[in-house]
Every structure is written in structure tokens, then in C-alpha cells.
PDB file of all heavy atoms in Angstrom:
ATOM      1  N   ASP A   1      23.454 -12.951 -51.503  1.00  0.00           N
ATOM      2  CA  ASP A   1      22.327 -12.089 -51.848  1.00  0.00           C
ATOM      3  C   ASP A   1      22.833 -10.688 -52.170  1.00  0.00           C
ATOM      4  O   ASP A   1      23.703 -10.158 -51.476  1.00  0.00           O
ATOM      5  CB  ASP A   1      21.329 -12.035 -50.679  1.00  0.00           C
ATOM      6  CG  ASP A   1      20.053 -11.289 -51.035  1.00  0.00           C
ATOM      7  OD1 ASP A   1      19.667 -11.310 -52.216  1.00  0.00           O
ATOM      8  OD2 ASP A   1      19.437 -10.687 -50.137  1.00  0.00           O
ATOM      9  N   PHE A   2      22.289 -10.119 -53.248  1.00  0.00           N
ATOM     10  CA  PHE A   2      22.572  -8.730 -53.585  1.00  0.00           C
ATOM     11  C   PHE A   2      21.291  -7.932 -53.395  1.00  0.00           C
ATOM     12  O   PHE A   2      20.222  -8.321 -53.886  1.00  0.00           O
ATOM     13  CB  PHE A   2      23.051  -8.586 -55.030  1.00  0.00           C
ATOM     14  CG  PHE A   2      23.281  -7.158 -55.445  1.00  0.00           C
ATOM     15  CD1 PHE A   2      24.446  -6.501 -55.070  1.00  0.00           C
ATOM     16  CD2 PHE A   2      22.328  -6.451 -56.169  1.00  0.00           C
ATOM     17  CE1 PHE A   2      24.667  -5.176 -55.425  1.00  0.00           C
ATOM     18  CE2 PHE A   2      22.543  -5.136 -56.530  1.00  0.00           C
ATOM     19  CZ  PHE A   2      23.712  -4.499 -56.157  1.00  0.00           C
ATOM     20  N   VAL A   3      21.385  -6.826 -52.679  1.00  0.00           N
ATOM     21  CA  VAL A   3      20.206  -6.011 -52.366  1.00  0.00           C
ATOM     22  C   VAL A   3      20.392  -4.615 -52.953  1.00  0.00           C
ATOM     23  O   VAL A   3      21.381  -3.935 -52.645  1.00  0.00           O
ATOM     24  CB  VAL A   3      19.993  -5.909 -50.841  1.00  0.00           C
ATOM     25  CG1 VAL A   3      18.785  -5.024 -50.540  1.00  0.00           C
ATOM     26  CG2 VAL A   3      19.796  -7.294 -50.243  1.00  0.00           C
ATOM     27  N   LEU A   4      19.462  -4.227 -53.806  1.00  0.00           N
ATOM     28  CA  LEU A   4      19.461  -2.882 -54.386  1.00  0.00           C
ATOM     29  C   LEU A   4      18.362  -2.074 -53.711  1.00  0.00           C
ATOM     30  O   LEU A   4      17.183  -2.418 -53.787  1.00  0.00           O
ATOM     31  CB  LEU A   4      19.216  -2.946 -55.893  1.00  0.00           C
ATOM     32  CG  LEU A   4      19.060  -1.603 -56.618  1.00  0.00           C
ATOM     33  CD1 LEU A   4      20.332  -0.784 -56.508  1.00  0.00           C
ATOM     34  CD2 LEU A   4      18.683  -1.809 -58.074  1.00  0.00           C
ATOM     35  N   ASP A   5      18.751  -1.014 -53.033  1.00  0.00           N
ATOM     36  CA  ASP A   5      17.805  -0.139 -52.347  1.00  0.00           C
ATOM     37  C   ASP A   5      17.560   1.082 -53.221  1.00  0.00           C
ATOM     38  O   ASP A   5      18.509   1.687 -53.730  1.00  0.00           O
ATOM     39  CB  ASP A   5      18.375   0.275 -50.992  1.00  0.00           C
ATOM     40  CG  ASP A   5      17.362   1.027 -50.153  1.00  0.00           C
ATOM     41  OD1 ASP A   5      16.161   0.856 -50.407  1.00  0.00           O
ATOM     42  OD2 ASP A   5      17.772   1.800 -49.259  1.00  0.00           O
ATOM     43  N   THR A   6      16.296   1.435 -53.412  1.00  0.00           N
ATOM     44  CA  THR A   6      15.951   2.575 -54.261  1.00  0.00           C
ATOM     45  C   THR A   6      15.244   3.644 -53.444  1.00  0.00           C
ATOM     46  O   THR A   6      14.704   3.375 -52.362  1.00  0.00           O
ATOM     47  CB  THR A   6      15.039   2.147 -55.429  1.00  0.00           C
ATOM     48  OG1 THR A   6      13.841   1.560 -54.894  1.00  0.00           O
ATOM     49  CG2 THR A   6      15.745   1.133 -56.319  1.00  0.00           C
ATOM     50  N   TYR A   7      15.267   4.854 -53.982  1.00  0.00           N
ATOM     51  CA  TYR A   7      14.526   5.930 -53.334  1.00  0.00           C
ATOM     52  C   TYR A   7      13.025   5.681 -53.509  1.00  0.00           C
ATOM     53  O   TYR A   7      12.592   5.158 -54.550  1.00  0.00           O
ATOM     54  CB  TYR A   7      14.918   7.276 -53.936  1.00  0.00           C
ATOM     55  CG  TYR A   7      16.268   7.761 -53.476  1.00  0.00           C
ATOM     56  CD1 TYR A   7      17.396   7.621 -54.279  1.00  0.00           C
ATOM     57  CD2 TYR A   7      16.414   8.338 -52.215  1.00  0.00           C
ATOM     58  CE1 TYR A   7      18.645   8.062 -53.841  1.00  0.00           C
ATOM     59  CE2 TYR A   7      17.662   8.783 -51.777  1.00  0.00           C
ATOM     60  CZ  TYR A   7      18.769   8.635 -52.587  1.00  0.00           C
ATOM     61  OH  TYR A   7      19.998   9.062 -52.149  1.00  0.00           O
ATOM     62  N   PRO A   8      12.219   6.021 -52.495  1.00  0.00           N
ATOM     63  CA  PRO A   8      10.778   5.719 -52.543  1.00  0.00           C
ATOM     64  C   PRO A   8      10.112   6.224 -53.808  1.00  0.00           C
ATOM     65  O   PRO A   8      10.284   7.379 -54.205  1.00  0.00           O
ATOM     66  CB  PRO A   8      10.234   6.442 -51.296  1.00  0.00           C
ATOM     67  CG  PRO A   8      11.387   6.499 -50.354  1.00  0.00           C
ATOM     68  CD  PRO A   8      12.598   6.681 -51.231  1.00  0.00           C
ATOM     69  N   GLY A   9       9.386   5.336 -54.443  1.00  0.00           N
ATOM     70  CA  GLY A   9       8.619   5.693 -55.628  1.00  0.00           C
ATOM     71  C   GLY A   9       9.417   5.827 -56.898  1.00  0.00           C
ATOM     72  O   GLY A   9       8.881   6.259 -57.914  1.00  0.00           O
ATOM     73  N   THR A  10      10.705   5.458 -56.871  1.00  0.00           N
ATOM     74  CA  THR A  10      11.557   5.591 -58.047  1.00  0.00           C
ATOM     75  C   THR A  10      12.362   4.315 -58.241  1.00  0.00           C
ATOM     76  O   THR A  10      12.372   3.426 -57.390  1.00  0.00           O
ATOM     77  CB  THR A  10      12.540   6.776 -57.911  1.00  0.00           C
ATOM     78  OG1 THR A  10      13.557   6.423 -56.964  1.00  0.00           O
ATOM     79  CG2 THR A  10      11.838   8.023 -57.434  1.00  0.00           C
ATOM     80  N   MET A  11      13.077   4.257 -59.362  1.00  0.00           N
ATOM     81  CA  MET A  11      14.036   3.178 -59.611  1.00  0.00           C
ATOM     82  C   MET A  11      15.458   3.680 -59.438  1.00  0.00           C
ATOM     83  O   MET A  11      16.410   3.004 -59.799  1.00  0.00           O
ATOM     84  CB  MET A  11      13.847   2.633 -61.032  1.00  0.00           C
ATOM     85  CG  MET A  11      12.514   1.927 -61.245  1.00  0.00           C
ATOM     86  SD  MET A  11      12.275   0.545 -60.101  1.00  0.00           S
ATOM     87  CE  MET A  11      13.571  -0.568 -60.671  1.00  0.00           C
ATOM     88  N   ARG A  12      15.614   4.872 -58.857  1.00  0.00           N
ATOM     89  CA  ARG A  12      16.929   5.466 -58.675  1.00  0.00           C
ATOM     90  C   ARG A  12      17.631   4.813 -57.489  1.00  0.00           C
ATOM     91  O   ARG A  12      17.086   4.776 -56.386  1.00  0.00           O
ATOM     92  CB  ARG A  12      16.786   6.961 -58.446  1.00  0.00           C
ATOM     93  CG  ARG A  12      18.087   7.723 -58.445  1.00  0.00           C
ATOM     94  CD  ARG A  12      17.844   9.205 -58.253  1.00  0.00           C
ATOM     95  NE  ARG A  12      16.946   9.722 -59.289  1.00  0.00           N
ATOM     96  CZ  ARG A  12      16.555  10.998 -59.339  1.00  0.00           C
ATOM     97  NH1 ARG A  12      16.972  11.852 -58.441  1.00  0.00           N
ATOM     98  NH2 ARG A  12      15.743  11.397 -60.300  1.00  0.00           N
ATOM     99  N   PRO A  13      18.850   4.299 -57.674  1.00  0.00           N
ATOM    100  CA  PRO A  13      19.538   3.615 -56.575  1.00  0.00           C
ATOM    101  C   PRO A  13      19.843   4.554 -55.412  1.00  0.00           C
ATOM    102  O   PRO A  13      20.386   5.637 -55.599  1.00  0.00           O
ATOM    103  CB  PRO A  13      20.837   3.113 -57.226  1.00  0.00           C
ATOM    104  CG  PRO A  13      20.567   3.098 -58.687  1.00  0.00           C
ATOM    105  CD  PRO A  13      19.616   4.226 -58.932  1.00  0.00           C
ATOM    106  N   ALA A  14      19.446   4.134 -54.216  1.00  0.00           N
ATOM    107  CA  ALA A  14      19.808   4.857 -53.001  1.00  0.00           C
ATOM    108  C   ALA A  14      21.002   4.204 -52.326  1.00  0.00           C
ATOM    109  O   ALA A  14      21.680   4.820 -51.510  1.00  0.00           O
ATOM    110  CB  ALA A  14      18.621   4.896 -52.040  1.00  0.00           C
ATOM    111  N   GLY A  15      21.266   2.955 -52.679  1.00  0.00           N
ATOM    112  CA  GLY A  15      22.381   2.211 -52.111  1.00  0.00           C
ATOM    113  C   GLY A  15      22.288   0.758 -52.549  1.00  0.00           C
ATOM    114  O   GLY A  15      21.238   0.299 -53.003  1.00  0.00           O
ATOM    115  N   PHE A  16      23.388   0.050 -52.451  1.00  0.00           N
ATOM    116  CA  PHE A  16      23.367  -1.378 -52.769  1.00  0.00           C
ATOM    117  C   PHE A  16      24.393  -2.083 -51.903  1.00  0.00           C
ATOM    118  O   PHE A  16      25.403  -1.520 -51.503  1.00  0.00           O
ATOM    119  CB  PHE A  16      23.621  -1.648 -54.257  1.00  0.00           C
ATOM    120  CG  PHE A  16      24.567  -0.700 -54.930  1.00  0.00           C
ATOM    121  CD1 PHE A  16      25.926  -0.954 -54.967  1.00  0.00           C
ATOM    122  CD2 PHE A  16      24.101   0.458 -55.536  1.00  0.00           C
ATOM    123  CE1 PHE A  16      26.807  -0.094 -55.591  1.00  0.00           C
ATOM    124  CE2 PHE A  16      24.979   1.337 -56.163  1.00  0.00           C
ATOM    125  CZ  PHE A  16      26.337   1.060 -56.189  1.00  0.00           C
ATOM    126  N   SER A  17      24.077  -3.350 -51.585  1.00  0.00           N
ATOM    127  CA  SER A  17      24.919  -4.113 -50.668  1.00  0.00           C
ATOM    128  C   SER A  17      24.982  -5.575 -51.097  1.00  0.00           C
ATOM    129  O   SER A  17      24.109  -6.067 -51.820  1.00  0.00           O
ATOM    130  CB  SER A  17      24.386  -4.012 -49.239  1.00  0.00           C
ATOM    131  OG  SER A  17      23.081  -4.554 -49.150  1.00  0.00           O
ATOM    132  N   SER A  18      26.029  -6.234 -50.634  1.00  0.00           N
ATOM    133  CA  SER A  18      26.249  -7.646 -50.958  1.00  0.00           C
ATOM    134  C   SER A  18      26.394  -8.438 -49.672  1.00  0.00           C
ATOM    135  O   SER A  18      27.224  -8.111 -48.821  1.00  0.00           O
ATOM    136  CB  SER A  18      27.519  -7.810 -51.812  1.00  0.00           C
ATOM    137  OG  SER A  18      27.429  -7.068 -53.003  1.00  0.00           O
ATOM    138  N   GLN A  19      25.561  -9.473 -49.530  1.00  0.00           N
ATOM    139  CA  GLN A  19      25.698 -10.422 -48.426  1.00  0.00           C
ATOM    140  C   GLN A  19      26.540 -11.588 -48.939  1.00  0.00           C
ATOM    141  O   GLN A  19      26.132 -12.285 -49.864  1.00  0.00           O
ATOM    142  CB  GLN A  19      24.323 -10.911 -47.957  1.00  0.00           C
ATOM    143  CG  GLN A  19      24.350 -11.661 -46.640  1.00  0.00           C
ATOM    144  CD  GLN A  19      24.685 -10.768 -45.455  1.00  0.00           C
ATOM    145  OE1 GLN A  19      24.160  -9.662 -45.355  1.00  0.00           O
ATOM    146  NE2 GLN A  19      25.564 -11.236 -44.584  1.00  0.00           N
ATOM    147  N   VAL A  20      27.716 -11.743 -48.373  1.00  0.00           N
ATOM    148  CA  VAL A  20      28.671 -12.726 -48.894  1.00  0.00           C
ATOM    149  C   VAL A  20      29.109 -13.692 -47.798  1.00  0.00           C
ATOM    150  O   VAL A  20      28.880 -13.466 -46.602  1.00  0.00           O
ATOM    151  CB  VAL A  20      29.921 -12.024 -49.485  1.00  0.00           C
ATOM    152  CG1 VAL A  20      29.539 -11.087 -50.618  1.00  0.00           C
ATOM    153  CG2 VAL A  20      30.677 -11.266 -48.400  1.00  0.00           C
ATOM    154  N   GLN A  21      29.762 -14.775 -48.250  1.00  0.00           N
ATOM    155  CA  GLN A  21      30.445 -15.691 -47.347  1.00  0.00           C
ATOM    156  C   GLN A  21      31.916 -15.729 -47.735  1.00  0.00           C
ATOM    157  O   GLN A  21      32.248 -15.859 -48.920  1.00  0.00           O
ATOM    158  CB  GLN A  21      29.855 -17.101 -47.432  1.00  0.00           C
ATOM    159  CG  GLN A  21      28.444 -17.231 -46.880  1.00  0.00           C
ATOM    160  CD  GLN A  21      28.000 -18.678 -46.829  1.00  0.00           C
ATOM    161  OE1 GLN A  21      28.735 -19.557 -46.364  1.00  0.00           O
ATOM    162  NE2 GLN A  21      26.791 -18.932 -47.315  1.00  0.00           N
ATOM    163  N   ILE A  22      32.790 -15.607 -46.759  1.00  0.00           N
ATOM    164  CA  ILE A  22      34.227 -15.626 -46.984  1.00  0.00           C
ATOM    165  C   ILE A  22      34.779 -16.949 -46.449  1.00  0.00           C
ATOM    166  O   ILE A  22      34.576 -17.280 -45.277  1.00  0.00           O
ATOM    167  CB  ILE A  22      34.919 -14.454 -46.272  1.00  0.00           C
ATOM    168  CG1 ILE A  22      34.279 -13.119 -46.676  1.00  0.00           C
ATOM    169  CG2 ILE A  22      36.416 -14.461 -46.568  1.00  0.00           C
ATOM    170  CD1 ILE A  22      34.445 -12.750 -48.109  1.00  0.00           C
ATOM    171  N   THR A  23      35.451 -17.692 -47.307  1.00  0.00           N
ATOM    172  CA  THR A  23      36.082 -18.952 -46.898  1.00  0.00           C
ATOM    173  C   THR A  23      37.589 -18.798 -46.996  1.00  0.00           C
ATOM    174  O   THR A  23      38.139 -18.603 -48.080  1.00  0.00           O
ATOM    175  CB  THR A  23      35.625 -20.124 -47.790  1.00  0.00           C
ATOM    176  OG1 THR A  23      34.197 -20.240 -47.707  1.00  0.00           O
ATOM    177  CG2 THR A  23      36.266 -21.418 -47.321  1.00  0.00           C
ATOM    178  N   ASP A  24      38.258 -18.856 -45.852  1.00  0.00           N
ATOM    179  CA  ASP A  24      39.700 -18.686 -45.797  1.00  0.00           C
ATOM    180  C   ASP A  24      40.396 -19.955 -46.273  1.00  0.00           C
ATOM    181  O   ASP A  24      40.092 -21.062 -45.805  1.00  0.00           O
ATOM    182  CB  ASP A  24      40.125 -18.357 -44.363  1.00  0.00           C
ATOM    183  CG  ASP A  24      41.567 -17.899 -44.288  1.00  0.00           C
ATOM    184  OD1 ASP A  24      42.450 -18.767 -44.325  1.00  0.00           O
ATOM    185  OD2 ASP A  24      41.787 -16.678 -44.193  1.00  0.00           O
ATOM    186  N   HIS A  25      41.325 -19.825 -47.211  1.00  0.00           N
ATOM    187  CA  HIS A  25      41.998 -21.006 -47.771  1.00  0.00           C
ATOM    188  C   HIS A  25      42.938 -21.662 -46.774  1.00  0.00           C
ATOM    189  O   HIS A  25      43.129 -22.883 -46.804  1.00  0.00           O
ATOM    190  CB  HIS A  25      42.769 -20.614 -49.033  1.00  0.00           C
ATOM    191  CG  HIS A  25      41.893 -20.205 -50.172  1.00  0.00           C
ATOM    192  ND1 HIS A  25      42.378 -19.655 -51.334  1.00  0.00           N
ATOM    193  CD2 HIS A  25      40.536 -20.241 -50.331  1.00  0.00           C
ATOM    194  CE1 HIS A  25      41.385 -19.384 -52.152  1.00  0.00           C
ATOM    195  NE2 HIS A  25      40.256 -19.721 -51.569  1.00  0.00           N
ATOM    196  N   GLU A  26      43.537 -20.878 -45.897  1.00  0.00           N
ATOM    197  CA  GLU A  26      44.514 -21.437 -44.962  1.00  0.00           C
ATOM    198  C   GLU A  26      43.841 -22.170 -43.810  1.00  0.00           C
ATOM    199  O   GLU A  26      44.237 -23.280 -43.447  1.00  0.00           O
ATOM    200  CB  GLU A  26      45.404 -20.323 -44.412  1.00  0.00           C
ATOM    201  CG  GLU A  26      46.502 -20.816 -43.476  1.00  0.00           C
ATOM    202  CD  GLU A  26      47.413 -19.700 -43.003  1.00  0.00           C
ATOM    203  OE1 GLU A  26      47.560 -18.711 -43.738  1.00  0.00           O
ATOM    204  OE2 GLU A  26      47.978 -19.830 -41.902  1.00  0.00           O
ATOM    205  N   THR A  27      42.798 -21.578 -43.236  1.00  0.00           N
ATOM    206  CA  THR A  27      42.137 -22.191 -42.079  1.00  0.00           C
ATOM    207  C   THR A  27      40.934 -23.033 -42.461  1.00  0.00           C
ATOM    208  O   THR A  27      40.497 -23.878 -41.680  1.00  0.00           O
ATOM    209  CB  THR A  27      41.684 -21.094 -41.102  1.00  0.00           C
ATOM    210  OG1 THR A  27      40.689 -20.273 -41.738  1.00  0.00           O
ATOM    211  CG2 THR A  27      42.861 -20.228 -40.681  1.00  0.00           C
ATOM    212  N   GLY A  28      40.364 -22.765 -43.647  1.00  0.00           N
ATOM    213  CA  GLY A  28      39.173 -23.488 -44.078  1.00  0.00           C
ATOM    214  C   GLY A  28      37.899 -22.984 -43.437  1.00  0.00           C
ATOM    215  O   GLY A  28      36.815 -23.523 -43.688  1.00  0.00           O
ATOM    216  N   LYS A  29      37.996 -21.955 -42.612  1.00  0.00           N
ATOM    217  CA  LYS A  29      36.826 -21.437 -41.925  1.00  0.00           C
ATOM    218  C   LYS A  29      36.033 -20.506 -42.839  1.00  0.00           C
ATOM    219  O   LYS A  29      36.595 -19.796 -43.664  1.00  0.00           O
ATOM    220  CB  LYS A  29      37.233 -20.695 -40.658  1.00  0.00           C
ATOM    221  CG  LYS A  29      37.840 -21.607 -39.591  1.00  0.00           C
ATOM    222  CD  LYS A  29      38.181 -20.807 -38.339  1.00  0.00           C
ATOM    223  CE  LYS A  29      38.749 -21.726 -37.263  1.00  0.00           C
ATOM    224  NZ  LYS A  29      39.100 -20.964 -36.021  1.00  0.00           N
ATOM    225  N   THR A  30      34.699 -20.525 -42.657  1.00  0.00           N
ATOM    226  CA  THR A  30      33.789 -19.683 -43.430  1.00  0.00           C
ATOM    227  C   THR A  30      33.006 -18.780 -42.489  1.00  0.00           C
ATOM    228  O   THR A  30      32.546 -19.230 -41.433  1.00  0.00           O
ATOM    229  CB  THR A  30      32.813 -20.541 -44.250  1.00  0.00           C
ATOM    230  OG1 THR A  30      33.554 -21.376 -45.157  1.00  0.00           O
ATOM    231  CG2 THR A  30      31.851 -19.672 -45.035  1.00  0.00           C
ATOM    232  N   PHE A  31      32.874 -17.526 -42.873  1.00  0.00           N
ATOM    233  CA  PHE A  31      32.088 -16.601 -42.056  1.00  0.00           C
ATOM    234  C   PHE A  31      31.306 -15.669 -42.974  1.00  0.00           C
ATOM    235  O   PHE A  31      31.749 -15.356 -44.084  1.00  0.00           O
ATOM    236  CB  PHE A  31      32.992 -15.782 -41.117  1.00  0.00           C
ATOM    237  CG  PHE A  31      33.984 -14.898 -41.818  1.00  0.00           C
ATOM    238  CD1 PHE A  31      33.674 -13.579 -42.143  1.00  0.00           C
ATOM    239  CD2 PHE A  31      35.245 -15.386 -42.165  1.00  0.00           C
ATOM    240  CE1 PHE A  31      34.590 -12.769 -42.788  1.00  0.00           C
ATOM    241  CE2 PHE A  31      36.173 -14.574 -42.808  1.00  0.00           C
ATOM    242  CZ  PHE A  31      35.839 -13.254 -43.123  1.00  0.00           C
ATOM    243  N   PRO A  32      30.122 -15.236 -42.520  1.00  0.00           N
ATOM    244  CA  PRO A  32      29.312 -14.318 -43.337  1.00  0.00           C
ATOM    245  C   PRO A  32      29.782 -12.879 -43.159  1.00  0.00           C
ATOM    246  O   PRO A  32      30.356 -12.513 -42.132  1.00  0.00           O
ATOM    247  CB  PRO A  32      27.902 -14.513 -42.785  1.00  0.00           C
ATOM    248  CG  PRO A  32      28.121 -14.865 -41.346  1.00  0.00           C
ATOM    249  CD  PRO A  32      29.414 -15.652 -41.294  1.00  0.00           C
ATOM    250  N   ALA A  33      29.517 -12.067 -44.146  1.00  0.00           N
ATOM    251  CA  ALA A  33      29.874 -10.647 -44.078  1.00  0.00           C
ATOM    252  C   ALA A  33      28.963  -9.860 -45.017  1.00  0.00           C
ATOM    253  O   ALA A  33      28.386 -10.413 -45.955  1.00  0.00           O
ATOM    254  CB  ALA A  33      31.338 -10.435 -44.463  1.00  0.00           C
ATOM    255  N   LYS A  34      28.867  -8.570 -44.742  1.00  0.00           N
ATOM    256  CA  LYS A  34      28.075  -7.671 -45.581  1.00  0.00           C
ATOM    257  C   LYS A  34      28.964  -6.538 -46.067  1.00  0.00           C
ATOM    258  O   LYS A  34      29.711  -5.949 -45.284  1.00  0.00           O
ATOM    259  CB  LYS A  34      26.882  -7.105 -44.791  1.00  0.00           C
ATOM    260  CG  LYS A  34      25.964  -6.208 -45.610  1.00  0.00           C
ATOM    261  CD  LYS A  34      24.813  -5.687 -44.766  1.00  0.00           C
ATOM    262  CE  LYS A  34      23.901  -4.775 -45.582  1.00  0.00           C
ATOM    263  NZ  LYS A  34      22.775  -4.236 -44.770  1.00  0.00           N
ATOM    264  N   ILE A  35      28.897  -6.251 -47.350  1.00  0.00           N
ATOM    265  CA  ILE A  35      29.686  -5.181 -47.956  1.00  0.00           C
ATOM    266  C   ILE A  35      28.709  -4.210 -48.609  1.00  0.00           C
ATOM    267  O   ILE A  35      27.835  -4.631 -49.370  1.00  0.00           O
ATOM    268  CB  ILE A  35      30.660  -5.734 -49.015  1.00  0.00           C
ATOM    269  CG1 ILE A  35      31.512  -6.869 -48.438  1.00  0.00           C
ATOM    270  CG2 ILE A  35      31.544  -4.629 -49.562  1.00  0.00           C
ATOM    271  CD1 ILE A  35      32.300  -7.622 -49.479  1.00  0.00           C
ATOM    272  N   TRP A  36      28.858  -2.918 -48.305  1.00  0.00           N
ATOM    273  CA  TRP A  36      28.038  -1.930 -48.976  1.00  0.00           C
ATOM    274  C   TRP A  36      28.843  -0.647 -49.177  1.00  0.00           C
ATOM    275  O   TRP A  36      29.951  -0.533 -48.658  1.00  0.00           O
ATOM    276  CB  TRP A  36      26.729  -1.686 -48.224  1.00  0.00           C
ATOM    277  CG  TRP A  36      26.812  -1.042 -46.883  1.00  0.00           C
ATOM    278  CD1 TRP A  36      26.581   0.264 -46.594  1.00  0.00           C
ATOM    279  CD2 TRP A  36      27.099  -1.665 -45.622  1.00  0.00           C
ATOM    280  NE1 TRP A  36      26.711   0.501 -45.253  1.00  0.00           N
ATOM    281  CE2 TRP A  36      27.024  -0.675 -44.626  1.00  0.00           C
ATOM    282  CE3 TRP A  36      27.418  -2.970 -45.240  1.00  0.00           C
ATOM    283  CZ2 TRP A  36      27.266  -0.940 -43.288  1.00  0.00           C
ATOM    284  CZ3 TRP A  36      27.644  -3.245 -43.900  1.00  0.00           C
ATOM    285  CH2 TRP A  36      27.566  -2.238 -42.935  1.00  0.00           C
ATOM    286  N   MET A  37      28.282   0.273 -49.958  1.00  0.00           N
ATOM    287  CA  MET A  37      29.004   1.471 -50.352  1.00  0.00           C
ATOM    288  C   MET A  37      29.499   2.231 -49.129  1.00  0.00           C
ATOM    289  O   MET A  37      28.750   2.466 -48.190  1.00  0.00           O
ATOM    290  CB  MET A  37      28.098   2.366 -51.204  1.00  0.00           C
ATOM    291  CG  MET A  37      28.770   3.610 -51.736  1.00  0.00           C
ATOM    292  SD  MET A  37      30.163   3.253 -52.840  1.00  0.00           S
ATOM    293  CE  MET A  37      29.288   2.677 -54.295  1.00  0.00           C
TER     294      MET A  37
END
């Protein structure tokens, strides 16, 4: 999921974040993570 946060009443970006899943090739394990500015 990608989330774009805007300032109230505008379309101006206040911030944006990415909800991702990381799958490690060596262990095969998957875990969720969030990345933002």
C-alpha cells in the first residue's frame, strides 16, 4: 500500500509512505515494514 498524506483542504503533499513486505532470499522469511520520508 502507498499512502499519500496531504495538507488539510489541499492536494499539496504533506508526506508519503510505503507499506511493504520484505522477503529475504537467504532465509526465505517475510516481514512487513513501513518506509516514509
